[in-house]
Amino acid sequence: SGPVSLPAPPQGTWTWGPDGHGAILLVNCDRDDPKAETPDNRDTAVRSYADLKDMSQMVLRTRGPRTIFAGHRLLLHVDFSDADKVGVFYGGNSVALEEYKHVLGGSKLAYAVKPSRHQEESVFYVEGLAFPDVGFSGLVTFHVTLLESPEKVPAAEGVGVTRYGGQRSPNTACPPRKGLLETPIFTDVVVFRVAPWIMTPNTAAPLEVFVCSVGDNEDFVAAVGAVAEKAKCPVTVCPLLENRNDRWIQDEVEFGYVQAPHKTFPVVFDSPRDRGLKDFPIKSILGPDFGYVARQAPEGASSLDSFGNLEVSPPVTVQGKEYPLGRILIGSSFPRFGGRRMAKAVKDFLVAQQVQAPVELFSDWLHVGHVDEFLSFVPAPDRKGFRLLLASPNACYQLLKEKQEEGFGEAAMFEGLEAVPKPTINEILANESLRKFNNYVQSCISWNRDILKRALGLAEPDILDIPQLFRGDVAAGAEAFFPDVVNMLVLGRHLGIPKPFGPLVGGQCCLEERVRALLEPLGLTCTFIDDYFSYHVLSGDVHCGTNVRRKPFAFKWWHAVP
């Protein structure tokens, strides 16, 4: 038998999956014209050919006798509920930019297509204006309708029938009256889905590292630069003038991307946190082929709205269900009632993107309350391609007990740090209230361990317990007792890890030694960065003070089945 030609998939539907079909729109949220004040999805102009390239083409083919237009109109139209989600531009036969007019979207619900004597195709350019969100699935439908006008239709040969708005009248002599409806005689639809905003996990290749310069952190900026150089990754330093003394760049933004078959570009998600770095994303990141999206917290932002509290896992399969783009992780306040939680607008936005179904973890037990304070992911050559790192008081006590039994009980923490108390291993192990508090912390982290195992389909060998102690009390929340080791910068196989200043055993920090012993077998290189006075004492560490734009997934999101 000869080759089988499959019928073209219906353009009036949209389906997910490797065998799915349907057109895709990008939210045109970059700023191709540096002189423009706002992203391109907030204007109704085509400012450059680059602007057109962010749009999807919609081709209307009209084949048939031109004379049909004498008595008919061809209307391209969009539903009222979709009109604020899209913009459509049309340039006729012209290639000149100034000829491109905004013809549909916003207050414009319909456009009468003028037939061209020369072409059977009209090419429209469509831009998305809004990401999927509550009340917007991401699907937008365009209709094209051929209307027959009562004024113009000559009586059909030999049949005394003229159509008036669908009323058949046998009397051809009756002149058409004004205000009569046109009759739709043909209609076609095309459905687009607006591409979701997609996050990238630690295991994705780094493309650009961001860090803030705030005057007292030159050594930290240099150390981050050195790790980035090893990973062959460029560094962008946000200067004091732009960060206004706000060093917590992880908390202000999250880097992701949008993708259509014809185009991919990065998009920065701006958190409602809005401290010193508030203007940095709009002023310095938004630009040509670098988009911007934000959500506000009208109820007032809490610390849990900072994006140290927004992470994403590497790809996982959970009981047969695939998450080829991983799952978003956010911290919340259950199993308590009435604690802090992420702003509804932010969480709703994340859920609505559909392709990285969020998992809520319990982070409100921490003083700051971010998931990056107790977990991280690092690449691994085996198993699922990664390890989940969890901060572990139990592992830390076990290590200190070992060292005490080896006769190093008098070794002290924080050697070399001025004006910092230096408790010995013996003193730490004898501190009952510290031990009791860390038992509570361990129970909070264990609760999350169970959620993560279930939600990500992990087994014990996929998890590494990283020694860490916390201090504080249940009411005020926990903070890291020494720099928080899991709060690390992951750049390929190069890790920038907060230097823990653990007890020196044989001239070596026993915490660093244990962390190396856990991570180096995975082919990872550990660089310990001193952030004690520049970040740690201010309640954050290396991850909180850095951010990374990463390479998009090779996997196409439309092949997923959410």
Protein backbone atom coordinates (compact mmCIF):
# COMPACT_ATOMS: atom_id res chain seq x y z
CA SER A 1 0.00 0.00 0.00
CA GLY A 2 1.16 3.54 -0.71
CA PRO A 3 1.92 6.28 1.82
CA VAL A 4 -0.97 7.28 4.04
CA SER A 5 -1.55 11.02 4.27
CA LEU A 6 -3.09 12.04 7.57
CA PRO A 7 -5.73 14.73 7.50
CA ALA A 8 -4.53 18.05 8.94
CA PRO A 9 -5.51 18.33 12.62
CA PRO A 10 -8.53 20.54 13.23
CA GLN A 11 -7.36 24.08 14.01
CA GLY A 12 -10.51 24.71 16.02
CA THR A 13 -9.22 22.59 18.91
CA TRP A 14 -6.08 22.48 21.05
CA THR A 15 -4.68 19.28 22.52
CA TRP A 16 -1.69 18.53 24.74
CA GLY A 17 0.91 15.81 24.33
CA PRO A 18 3.43 14.48 21.80
CA ASP A 19 0.60 13.79 19.34
CA GLY A 20 -1.32 16.94 20.21
CA HIS A 21 -1.91 19.93 17.97
CA GLY A 22 -2.84 23.59 18.13
CA ALA A 23 -1.38 27.03 17.60
CA ILE A 24 0.77 28.79 20.22
CA LEU A 25 1.03 32.45 21.20
CA LEU A 26 3.75 34.18 23.21
CA VAL A 27 2.97 36.94 25.66
CA ASN A 28 4.87 39.77 23.99
CA CYS A 29 6.27 40.91 27.34
CA ASP A 30 9.76 41.97 26.26
CA ARG A 31 10.71 45.52 25.24
CA ASP A 32 12.23 45.61 21.76
CA ASP A 33 12.40 49.42 21.63
CA PRO A 34 14.76 50.79 24.33
CA LYS A 35 12.90 54.13 24.20
CA ALA A 36 9.60 52.52 25.19
CA GLU A 37 8.47 52.91 28.80
CA THR A 38 6.64 49.60 29.10
CA PRO A 39 6.79 46.02 27.76
CA ASP A 40 5.47 45.47 24.22
CA ASN A 41 2.30 43.77 25.46
CA ARG A 42 1.13 47.10 26.89
CA ASP A 43 1.09 49.02 23.60
CA THR A 44 -0.84 48.73 20.33
CA ALA A 45 2.05 49.54 18.00
CA VAL A 46 4.50 47.44 16.04
CA ARG A 47 7.75 49.15 16.94
CA SER A 48 10.24 47.02 15.04
CA TYR A 49 10.65 43.88 12.97
CA ALA A 50 11.94 42.28 16.19
CA ASP A 51 8.54 43.06 17.74
CA LEU A 52 6.82 41.20 14.87
CA LYS A 53 9.09 38.18 15.43
CA ASP A 54 7.67 37.79 18.96
CA MET A 55 4.21 37.34 17.41
CA SER A 56 2.58 34.30 15.83
CA GLN A 57 1.32 34.39 12.28
CA MET A 58 -2.33 33.73 11.52
CA VAL A 59 -2.89 33.20 7.81
CA LEU A 60 -6.33 33.73 6.32
CA ARG A 61 -6.70 32.09 2.91
CA THR A 62 -9.49 33.28 0.64
CA ARG A 63 -9.70 31.23 -2.55
CA GLY A 64 -12.53 31.71 -4.98
CA PRO A 65 -13.99 34.30 -7.31
CA ARG A 66 -13.25 37.86 -6.22
CA THR A 67 -16.78 38.84 -7.26
CA ILE A 68 -18.14 37.09 -4.20
CA PHE A 69 -17.02 40.12 -2.17
CA ALA A 70 -19.48 42.30 -4.04
CA GLY A 71 -22.26 40.94 -1.90
CA HIS A 72 -20.33 39.62 1.10
CA ARG A 73 -18.09 40.72 3.92
CA LEU A 74 -15.37 38.66 5.55
CA LEU A 75 -15.13 39.32 9.27
CA LEU A 76 -12.31 38.32 11.61
CA HIS A 77 -13.58 38.49 15.18
CA VAL A 78 -12.75 37.56 18.76
CA ASP A 79 -14.98 36.93 21.77
CA PHE A 80 -15.38 39.78 24.23
CA SER A 81 -13.89 37.61 27.01
CA ASP A 82 -10.71 37.01 24.96
CA ALA A 83 -10.29 40.54 23.61
CA ASP A 84 -8.09 41.79 26.47
CA LYS A 85 -5.77 38.77 26.12
CA VAL A 86 -4.62 39.34 22.52
CA GLY A 87 -3.55 41.96 20.00
CA VAL A 88 -3.71 41.43 16.24
CA PHE A 89 -1.76 43.48 13.67
CA TYR A 90 -2.19 43.60 9.91
CA GLY A 91 0.03 45.22 7.33
CA GLY A 92 -1.83 44.34 4.14
CA ASN A 93 0.56 43.59 1.28
CA SER A 94 3.14 45.95 2.73
CA VAL A 95 6.40 45.15 4.42
CA ALA A 96 6.74 48.70 5.77
CA LEU A 97 6.44 48.78 9.56
CA GLU A 98 4.28 51.90 9.62
CA GLU A 99 1.67 50.05 7.56
CA TYR A 100 1.07 47.55 10.40
CA LYS A 101 -2.12 48.57 12.13
CA HIS A 102 -3.68 47.20 15.31
CA VAL A 103 -6.91 45.67 14.01
CA LEU A 104 -8.20 43.37 16.77
CA GLY A 105 -8.03 43.06 20.54
CA GLY A 106 -8.76 45.44 23.40
CA SER A 107 -11.87 47.40 22.41
CA LYS A 108 -11.72 46.09 18.83
CA LEU A 109 -13.81 42.94 18.60
CA ALA A 110 -14.10 42.58 14.82
CA TYR A 111 -12.19 43.47 11.67
CA ALA A 112 -13.57 43.42 8.13
CA VAL A 113 -10.94 41.81 5.92
CA LYS A 114 -10.52 43.69 2.65
CA PRO A 115 -10.06 41.31 -0.26
CA SER A 116 -6.82 41.77 -2.15
CA ARG A 117 -6.75 41.61 -5.94
CA HIS A 118 -3.26 40.14 -5.79
CA GLN A 119 -3.21 37.69 -2.94
CA GLU A 120 -5.21 34.75 -1.74
CA GLU A 121 -3.59 35.04 1.71
CA SER A 122 -3.81 37.66 4.40
CA VAL A 123 -1.14 37.35 7.10
CA PHE A 124 -2.07 38.64 10.54
CA TYR A 125 0.39 38.91 13.44
CA VAL A 126 -0.96 37.88 16.85
CA GLU A 127 0.55 38.72 20.24
CA GLY A 128 -0.46 37.45 23.65
CA LEU A 129 -1.12 40.17 26.24
CA ALA A 130 -1.73 38.06 29.34
CA PHE A 131 -0.38 34.85 30.84
CA PRO A 132 -2.74 32.07 31.89
CA ASP A 133 -4.20 32.94 35.29
CA VAL A 134 -7.33 32.57 37.41
CA GLY A 135 -10.24 32.93 35.01
CA PHE A 136 -8.04 32.55 31.92
CA SER A 137 -7.14 29.03 30.79
CA GLY A 138 -4.69 30.38 28.21
CA LEU A 139 -6.91 29.47 25.26
CA VAL A 140 -7.95 32.21 22.81
CA THR A 141 -10.36 31.63 19.91
CA PHE A 142 -10.48 33.62 16.68
CA HIS A 143 -13.45 33.33 14.33
CA VAL A 144 -13.66 34.19 10.66
CA THR A 145 -17.18 34.57 9.29
CA LEU A 146 -18.40 35.19 5.77
CA LEU A 147 -21.47 37.43 5.88
CA GLU A 148 -23.96 37.91 3.11
CA SER A 149 -25.29 41.45 2.97
CA PRO A 150 -28.98 41.94 2.13
CA GLU A 151 -28.35 45.15 0.16
CA LYS A 152 -26.05 43.75 -2.45
CA VAL A 153 -27.28 40.29 -3.33
CA PRO A 154 -28.68 40.09 -6.85
CA ALA A 155 -31.58 37.70 -7.31
CA ALA A 156 -30.29 34.27 -8.10
CA GLU A 157 -30.82 33.27 -11.71
CA GLY A 158 -34.25 31.86 -12.18
CA VAL A 159 -35.07 31.80 -8.47
CA GLY A 160 -37.00 34.73 -7.11
CA VAL A 161 -35.42 34.64 -3.69
CA THR A 162 -33.45 37.29 -1.92
CA ARG A 163 -32.24 36.68 1.60
CA TYR A 164 -32.97 39.32 4.18
CA GLY A 165 -31.28 38.51 7.45
CA GLY A 166 -32.25 34.90 7.10
CA GLN A 167 -35.91 35.68 6.28
CA ARG A 168 -36.78 34.24 2.90
CA SER A 169 -38.95 36.57 0.87
CA PRO A 170 -40.43 35.50 -2.44
CA ASN A 171 -40.72 39.08 -3.65
CA THR A 172 -37.53 40.12 -5.47
CA ALA A 173 -38.92 43.54 -6.27
CA CYS A 174 -38.84 44.54 -2.61
CA PRO A 175 -35.81 46.86 -2.10
CA PRO A 176 -33.46 45.98 0.76
CA ARG A 177 -34.21 48.02 3.85
CA LYS A 178 -31.55 49.64 5.98
CA GLY A 179 -30.64 47.99 9.26
CA LEU A 180 -31.29 44.47 8.10
CA LEU A 181 -28.94 41.87 9.47
CA GLU A 182 -26.25 40.23 7.44
CA THR A 183 -26.45 36.46 7.30
CA PRO A 184 -23.49 34.33 8.29
CA ILE A 185 -23.09 31.68 5.59
CA PHE A 186 -19.70 30.27 6.62
CA THR A 187 -17.60 30.36 9.74
CA ASP A 188 -14.20 28.95 10.73
CA VAL A 189 -12.25 29.07 13.98
CA VAL A 190 -8.65 28.84 15.10
CA VAL A 191 -7.60 28.27 18.70
CA PHE A 192 -4.32 29.51 20.17
CA ARG A 193 -2.85 28.66 23.57
CA VAL A 194 -0.78 31.30 25.31
CA ALA A 195 2.60 29.79 26.19
CA PRO A 196 3.08 29.39 29.96
CA TRP A 197 5.91 30.94 31.99
CA ILE A 198 8.34 28.09 32.77
CA MET A 199 10.89 27.89 35.60
CA THR A 200 14.29 26.19 35.27
CA PRO A 201 15.76 23.88 37.96
CA ASN A 202 19.29 23.89 39.46
CA THR A 203 20.20 21.03 37.17
CA ALA A 204 19.76 23.21 34.05
CA ALA A 205 22.93 24.72 32.58
CA PRO A 206 23.66 28.24 33.90
CA LEU A 207 23.76 31.12 31.37
CA GLU A 208 24.17 34.17 33.64
CA VAL A 209 24.77 34.74 37.37
CA PHE A 210 23.42 37.82 39.13
CA VAL A 211 24.83 39.27 42.35
CA CYS A 212 24.50 42.67 44.07
CA SER A 213 27.34 44.96 45.02
CA VAL A 214 26.47 46.72 48.30
CA GLY A 215 29.76 48.16 49.56
CA ASP A 216 30.61 45.69 52.32
CA ASN A 217 30.54 42.57 50.14
CA GLU A 218 33.41 42.94 47.61
CA ASP A 219 34.97 39.66 48.74
CA PHE A 220 31.65 37.84 48.35
CA VAL A 221 31.10 39.26 44.84
CA ALA A 222 34.66 38.20 43.91
CA ALA A 223 34.13 34.68 45.33
CA VAL A 224 30.88 34.24 43.39
CA GLY A 225 32.71 35.50 40.29
CA ALA A 226 35.44 32.89 40.79
CA VAL A 227 32.91 30.01 40.97
CA ALA A 228 31.10 31.39 37.90
CA GLU A 229 34.40 31.56 36.02
CA LYS A 230 35.07 27.89 36.79
CA ALA A 231 31.62 27.13 35.38
CA LYS A 232 32.39 29.37 32.36
CA CYS A 233 29.34 31.45 33.18
CA PRO A 234 29.16 35.26 32.84
CA VAL A 235 28.34 37.37 35.91
CA THR A 236 26.13 40.44 36.03
CA VAL A 237 26.80 42.64 39.06
CA CYS A 238 23.88 44.84 40.04
CA PRO A 239 25.44 48.09 41.28
CA LEU A 240 24.54 49.91 44.50
CA LEU A 241 22.78 52.66 42.54
CA GLU A 242 20.34 50.09 41.15
CA ASN A 243 19.93 47.80 44.18
CA ARG A 244 19.65 50.64 46.72
CA ASN A 245 21.44 48.58 49.36
CA ASP A 246 19.25 45.50 48.83
CA ARG A 247 21.50 42.44 48.44
CA TRP A 248 18.82 39.76 48.32
CA ILE A 249 18.49 39.28 44.57
CA GLN A 250 17.15 35.72 44.91
CA ASP A 251 14.14 37.18 46.71
CA GLU A 252 13.25 39.90 44.21
CA VAL A 253 13.07 37.88 40.98
CA GLU A 254 12.78 34.41 39.45
CA PHE A 255 14.12 33.75 35.95
CA GLY A 256 12.09 31.60 33.55
CA TYR A 257 11.24 31.57 29.88
CA VAL A 258 8.46 31.35 27.31
CA GLN A 259 8.58 29.23 24.18
CA ALA A 260 6.72 28.79 20.89
CA PRO A 261 7.88 26.72 17.93
CA HIS A 262 9.23 29.86 16.25
CA LYS A 263 10.78 31.64 19.24
CA THR A 264 12.04 31.26 22.83
CA PHE A 265 13.04 34.07 25.18
CA PRO A 266 13.75 34.51 28.91
CA VAL A 267 11.14 36.17 31.15
CA VAL A 268 11.85 37.54 34.61
CA PHE A 269 9.07 37.13 37.21
CA ASP A 270 9.14 40.10 39.60
CA SER A 271 7.99 39.29 43.14
CA PRO A 272 5.61 41.50 45.15
CA ARG A 273 8.41 41.90 47.73
CA ASP A 274 9.48 45.29 46.31
CA ARG A 275 12.34 46.44 48.50
CA GLY A 276 15.49 48.20 47.28
CA LEU A 277 15.71 46.04 44.14
CA LYS A 278 12.14 46.90 43.15
CA ASP A 279 13.04 48.80 39.94
CA PHE A 280 15.97 46.62 38.86
CA PRO A 281 13.91 44.08 36.83
CA ILE A 282 12.04 46.75 34.83
CA LYS A 283 14.99 49.11 34.38
CA SER A 284 17.84 46.69 33.78
CA ILE A 285 16.53 43.22 32.87
CA LEU A 286 13.50 43.95 30.68
CA GLY A 287 14.76 44.56 27.13
CA PRO A 288 14.86 43.12 23.61
CA ASP A 289 13.97 39.41 23.87
CA PHE A 290 13.96 39.57 27.68
CA GLY A 291 10.41 39.62 29.01
CA TYR A 292 8.90 40.76 32.30
CA VAL A 293 5.91 39.62 34.34
CA ALA A 294 4.83 40.62 37.87
CA ARG A 295 2.12 39.87 40.38
CA GLN A 296 1.14 42.06 43.31
CA ALA A 297 0.06 41.20 46.85
CA PRO A 298 -2.81 43.62 47.57
CA GLU A 299 -3.17 42.04 51.02
CA GLY A 300 0.43 43.11 51.76
CA ALA A 301 3.49 41.00 50.98
CA SER A 302 4.90 38.64 53.60
CA SER A 303 8.38 37.13 53.63
CA LEU A 304 6.87 34.02 52.00
CA ASP A 305 6.23 36.09 48.82
CA SER A 306 9.98 36.47 48.31
CA PHE A 307 11.29 34.12 45.66
CA GLY A 308 13.79 32.35 47.89
CA ASN A 309 10.46 30.66 48.68
CA LEU A 310 9.92 29.65 45.04
CA GLU A 311 11.96 26.78 43.61
CA VAL A 312 11.41 24.03 41.04
CA SER A 313 12.46 20.39 41.05
CA PRO A 314 14.24 18.70 38.14
CA PRO A 315 12.04 16.50 35.89
CA VAL A 316 10.46 13.58 37.77
CA THR A 317 8.05 10.71 37.23
CA VAL A 318 5.63 10.06 40.06
CA GLN A 319 3.78 6.73 40.05
CA GLY A 320 3.77 6.68 36.27
CA LYS A 321 2.81 10.35 35.87
CA GLU A 322 5.52 12.36 34.14
CA TYR A 323 6.51 15.90 35.08
CA PRO A 324 9.00 16.49 32.25
CA LEU A 325 9.54 20.10 33.38
CA GLY A 326 9.69 19.32 37.11
CA ARG A 327 7.35 20.62 39.83
CA ILE A 328 7.31 24.06 41.43
CA LEU A 329 7.99 24.08 45.20
CA ILE A 330 6.62 26.84 47.43
CA GLY A 331 6.66 27.21 51.19
CA SER A 332 3.50 27.67 53.22
CA SER A 333 2.17 27.55 56.75
CA PHE A 334 0.38 24.23 57.16
CA PRO A 335 0.21 22.08 59.27
CA ARG A 336 -0.37 25.22 61.32
CA PHE A 337 -3.41 27.44 61.06
CA GLY A 338 -3.12 31.16 60.61
CA GLY A 339 0.56 31.34 59.67
CA ARG A 340 2.14 33.17 56.75
CA ARG A 341 1.55 31.99 53.23
CA MET A 342 2.36 33.04 49.68
CA ALA A 343 0.17 35.79 48.17
CA LYS A 344 -2.89 34.38 46.43
CA ALA A 345 -2.08 36.23 43.17
CA VAL A 346 1.38 34.66 42.99
CA LYS A 347 0.21 31.15 43.81
CA ASP A 348 -2.76 31.38 41.43
CA PHE A 349 -0.42 32.49 38.63
CA LEU A 350 1.95 29.56 39.27
CA VAL A 351 -0.88 27.00 39.32
CA ALA A 352 -2.40 28.44 36.12
CA GLN A 353 0.76 27.81 34.08
CA GLN A 354 -0.20 24.10 34.30
CA VAL A 355 3.08 22.52 33.16
CA GLN A 356 4.96 22.47 36.52
CA ALA A 357 2.18 21.60 38.98
CA PRO A 358 3.14 23.26 42.31
CA VAL A 359 3.77 21.42 45.57
CA GLU A 360 3.23 23.24 48.86
CA LEU A 361 5.83 22.63 51.53
CA PHE A 362 5.91 23.73 55.16
CA SER A 363 8.37 26.65 55.59
CA ASP A 364 6.66 28.88 58.14
CA TRP A 365 8.66 27.21 60.96
CA LEU A 366 11.63 29.28 59.78
CA HIS A 367 12.04 32.90 60.88
CA VAL A 368 12.44 34.06 57.26
CA GLY A 369 10.35 31.18 55.96
CA HIS A 370 11.87 30.23 52.59
CA VAL A 371 12.17 26.73 51.13
CA ASP A 372 15.76 27.47 49.99
CA GLU A 373 16.78 27.52 53.67
CA PHE A 374 16.35 23.75 54.03
CA LEU A 375 16.55 22.26 50.53
CA SER A 376 18.47 22.33 47.28
CA PHE A 377 18.96 20.12 44.20
CA VAL A 378 22.30 19.21 42.67
CA PRO A 379 23.01 17.33 39.43
CA ALA A 380 24.08 13.68 39.74
CA PRO A 381 25.37 11.20 37.15
CA ASP A 382 23.04 8.40 38.20
CA ARG A 383 19.56 7.53 39.43
CA LYS A 384 17.20 10.38 38.53
CA GLY A 385 19.99 12.72 37.41
CA PHE A 386 19.93 14.70 40.65
CA ARG A 387 20.03 14.56 44.44
CA LEU A 388 17.74 16.42 46.80
CA LEU A 389 19.79 18.00 49.59
CA LEU A 390 18.03 18.51 52.92
CA ALA A 391 19.39 20.36 55.93
CA SER A 392 19.70 17.85 58.76
CA PRO A 393 20.18 18.59 62.47
CA ASN A 394 20.34 14.82 63.11
CA ALA A 395 23.24 14.41 60.67
CA CYS A 396 25.02 17.34 62.34
CA TYR A 397 24.65 15.98 65.86
CA GLN A 398 25.83 12.58 64.64
CA LEU A 399 28.95 14.16 63.09
CA LEU A 400 29.73 16.19 66.24
CA LYS A 401 29.24 13.11 68.43
CA GLU A 402 31.69 11.16 66.22
CA LYS A 403 34.29 13.90 66.54
CA GLN A 404 33.79 14.07 70.31
CA GLU A 405 34.33 10.31 70.55
CA GLU A 406 37.49 10.68 68.46
CA GLY A 407 38.78 13.06 71.15
CA PHE A 408 38.13 16.43 69.49
CA GLY A 409 35.51 17.68 71.97
CA GLU A 410 37.45 20.91 72.64
CA ALA A 411 37.54 21.91 68.94
CA ALA A 412 35.59 25.15 68.54
CA MET A 413 33.26 26.64 65.92
CA PHE A 414 33.78 29.98 64.15
CA GLU A 415 37.59 30.05 64.39
CA GLY A 416 39.01 33.17 62.76
CA LEU A 417 35.80 35.20 63.04
CA GLU A 418 36.20 38.32 65.20
CA ALA A 419 33.80 39.01 68.06
CA VAL A 420 31.83 35.81 67.47
CA PRO A 421 31.39 33.39 70.43
CA LYS A 422 33.24 30.13 69.76
CA PRO A 423 31.38 27.18 71.29
CA THR A 424 33.25 23.86 71.40
CA ILE A 425 31.86 20.51 70.28
CA ASN A 426 31.49 19.57 73.96
CA GLU A 427 29.53 22.75 74.71
CA ILE A 428 27.22 22.33 71.72
CA LEU A 429 26.48 18.71 72.64
CA ALA A 430 25.84 19.70 76.27
CA ASN A 431 23.38 22.48 75.31
CA GLU A 432 20.01 20.88 76.09
CA SER A 433 17.80 23.73 74.86
CA LEU A 434 19.67 23.85 71.52
CA ARG A 435 19.25 20.09 71.18
CA LYS A 436 15.56 20.28 71.97
CA PHE A 437 14.96 23.08 69.46
CA ASN A 438 16.82 21.15 66.76
CA ASN A 439 14.69 18.08 67.43
CA TYR A 440 11.69 20.30 66.62
CA VAL A 441 13.42 21.62 63.46
CA GLN A 442 14.21 18.06 62.41
CA SER A 443 10.54 17.14 62.75
CA CYS A 444 9.59 20.08 60.48
CA ILE A 445 12.16 19.04 57.85
CA SER A 446 11.08 15.38 58.12
CA TRP A 447 7.49 16.44 57.44
CA ASN A 448 8.74 18.08 54.22
CA ARG A 449 10.87 15.05 53.38
CA ASP A 450 7.71 12.92 53.32
CA ILE A 451 5.85 15.44 51.14
CA LEU A 452 8.79 15.63 48.72
CA LYS A 453 9.14 11.85 48.50
CA ARG A 454 5.44 11.55 47.67
CA ALA A 455 5.14 14.57 45.35
CA LEU A 456 8.39 13.97 43.44
CA GLY A 457 8.44 10.17 43.55
CA LEU A 458 11.74 10.04 45.44
CA ALA A 459 13.30 7.17 47.36
CA GLU A 460 15.80 7.49 50.24
CA PRO A 461 18.90 7.09 47.98
CA ASP A 462 17.75 10.22 46.05
CA ILE A 463 18.16 12.33 49.20
CA LEU A 464 21.34 13.50 50.93
CA ASP A 465 21.24 14.77 54.52
CA ILE A 466 23.50 17.79 54.92
CA PRO A 467 24.67 18.51 58.50
CA GLN A 468 23.09 21.75 59.77
CA LEU A 469 22.02 23.23 63.10
CA PHE A 470 19.41 25.90 63.71
CA ARG A 471 18.77 28.30 66.57
CA GLY A 472 15.79 30.34 67.71
CA ASP A 473 12.47 29.34 69.25
CA VAL A 474 9.17 27.99 68.01
CA ALA A 475 7.40 31.36 68.18
CA ALA A 476 10.02 33.51 66.41
CA GLY A 477 11.08 30.75 64.01
CA ALA A 478 14.37 29.07 63.20
CA GLU A 479 17.55 30.57 61.75
CA ALA A 480 20.73 28.79 60.74
CA PHE A 481 23.16 28.42 63.71
CA PHE A 482 26.13 28.52 61.31
CA PRO A 483 26.02 29.52 57.60
CA ASP A 484 23.32 27.44 55.95
CA VAL A 485 25.16 24.88 53.83
CA VAL A 486 22.22 23.84 51.59
CA ASN A 487 21.64 27.52 50.71
CA MET A 488 24.17 27.13 47.89
CA LEU A 489 24.75 28.37 44.36
CA VAL A 490 24.63 25.54 41.80
CA LEU A 491 26.40 26.19 38.48
CA GLY A 492 26.66 22.89 36.62
CA ARG A 493 29.05 20.73 38.65
CA HIS A 494 30.45 23.76 40.46
CA LEU A 495 28.93 24.58 43.82
CA GLY A 496 29.37 27.84 45.73
CA ILE A 497 28.62 26.79 49.32
CA PRO A 498 28.33 28.98 52.44
CA LYS A 499 31.47 28.39 54.50
CA PRO A 500 30.13 26.83 57.73
CA PHE A 501 33.12 27.63 60.04
CA GLY A 502 32.80 24.25 61.72
CA PRO A 503 35.16 22.85 64.35
CA LEU A 504 38.71 22.33 63.04
CA VAL A 505 39.85 18.72 63.24
CA GLY A 506 43.42 18.16 62.10
CA GLY A 507 43.42 21.68 60.70
CA GLN A 508 40.33 20.99 58.54
CA CYS A 509 36.73 22.11 59.07
CA CYS A 510 34.89 18.88 59.85
CA LEU A 511 31.63 20.21 58.35
CA GLU A 512 33.33 21.07 55.05
CA GLU A 513 34.99 17.64 55.02
CA ARG A 514 31.65 15.86 55.53
CA VAL A 515 29.92 17.96 52.84
CA ARG A 516 32.73 17.22 50.37
CA ALA A 517 32.50 13.51 51.21
CA LEU A 518 28.78 13.60 50.36
CA LEU A 519 28.98 15.67 47.16
CA GLU A 520 32.34 15.03 45.49
CA PRO A 521 31.49 11.38 44.63
CA LEU A 522 28.74 12.83 42.39
CA GLY A 523 31.42 14.64 40.36
CA LEU A 524 30.69 17.99 42.02
CA THR A 525 33.32 20.60 42.93
CA CYS A 526 32.77 22.37 46.27
CA THR A 527 33.93 25.97 46.78
CA PHE A 528 33.22 27.31 50.26
CA ILE A 529 32.40 31.03 50.28
CA ASP A 530 32.74 33.18 53.40
CA ASP A 531 29.41 35.04 53.67
CA TYR A 532 29.38 35.25 57.48
CA PHE A 533 29.29 39.02 58.01
CA SER A 534 28.04 40.03 54.55
CA TYR A 535 24.97 37.74 54.44
CA HIS A 536 24.68 35.15 57.22
CA VAL A 537 24.30 37.57 60.14
CA LEU A 538 21.59 39.33 58.08
CA SER A 539 19.58 36.07 57.90
CA GLY A 540 20.54 34.79 54.46
CA ASP A 541 23.35 32.97 52.69
CA VAL A 542 24.86 32.39 49.23
CA HIS A 543 21.68 31.29 47.43
CA CYS A 544 19.71 34.22 48.88
CA GLY A 545 22.34 36.64 47.60
CA THR A 546 22.63 35.29 44.05
CA ASN A 547 20.37 34.43 41.12
CA VAL A 548 20.85 32.45 37.92
CA ARG A 549 19.33 32.60 34.47
CA ARG A 550 19.46 29.10 33.04
CA LYS A 551 19.13 27.30 29.74
CA PRO A 552 15.55 26.40 28.78
CA PHE A 553 14.56 22.72 28.74
CA ALA A 554 15.14 20.83 25.50
CA PHE A 555 11.69 19.33 26.15
CA LYS A 556 8.87 21.27 24.48
CA TRP A 557 6.14 22.18 26.96
CA TRP A 558 3.31 21.46 24.48
CA HIS A 559 4.40 17.81 24.44
CA ALA A 560 3.53 17.57 28.15
CA VAL A 561 0.21 16.23 29.38
CA PRO A 562 -0.67 18.25 32.49
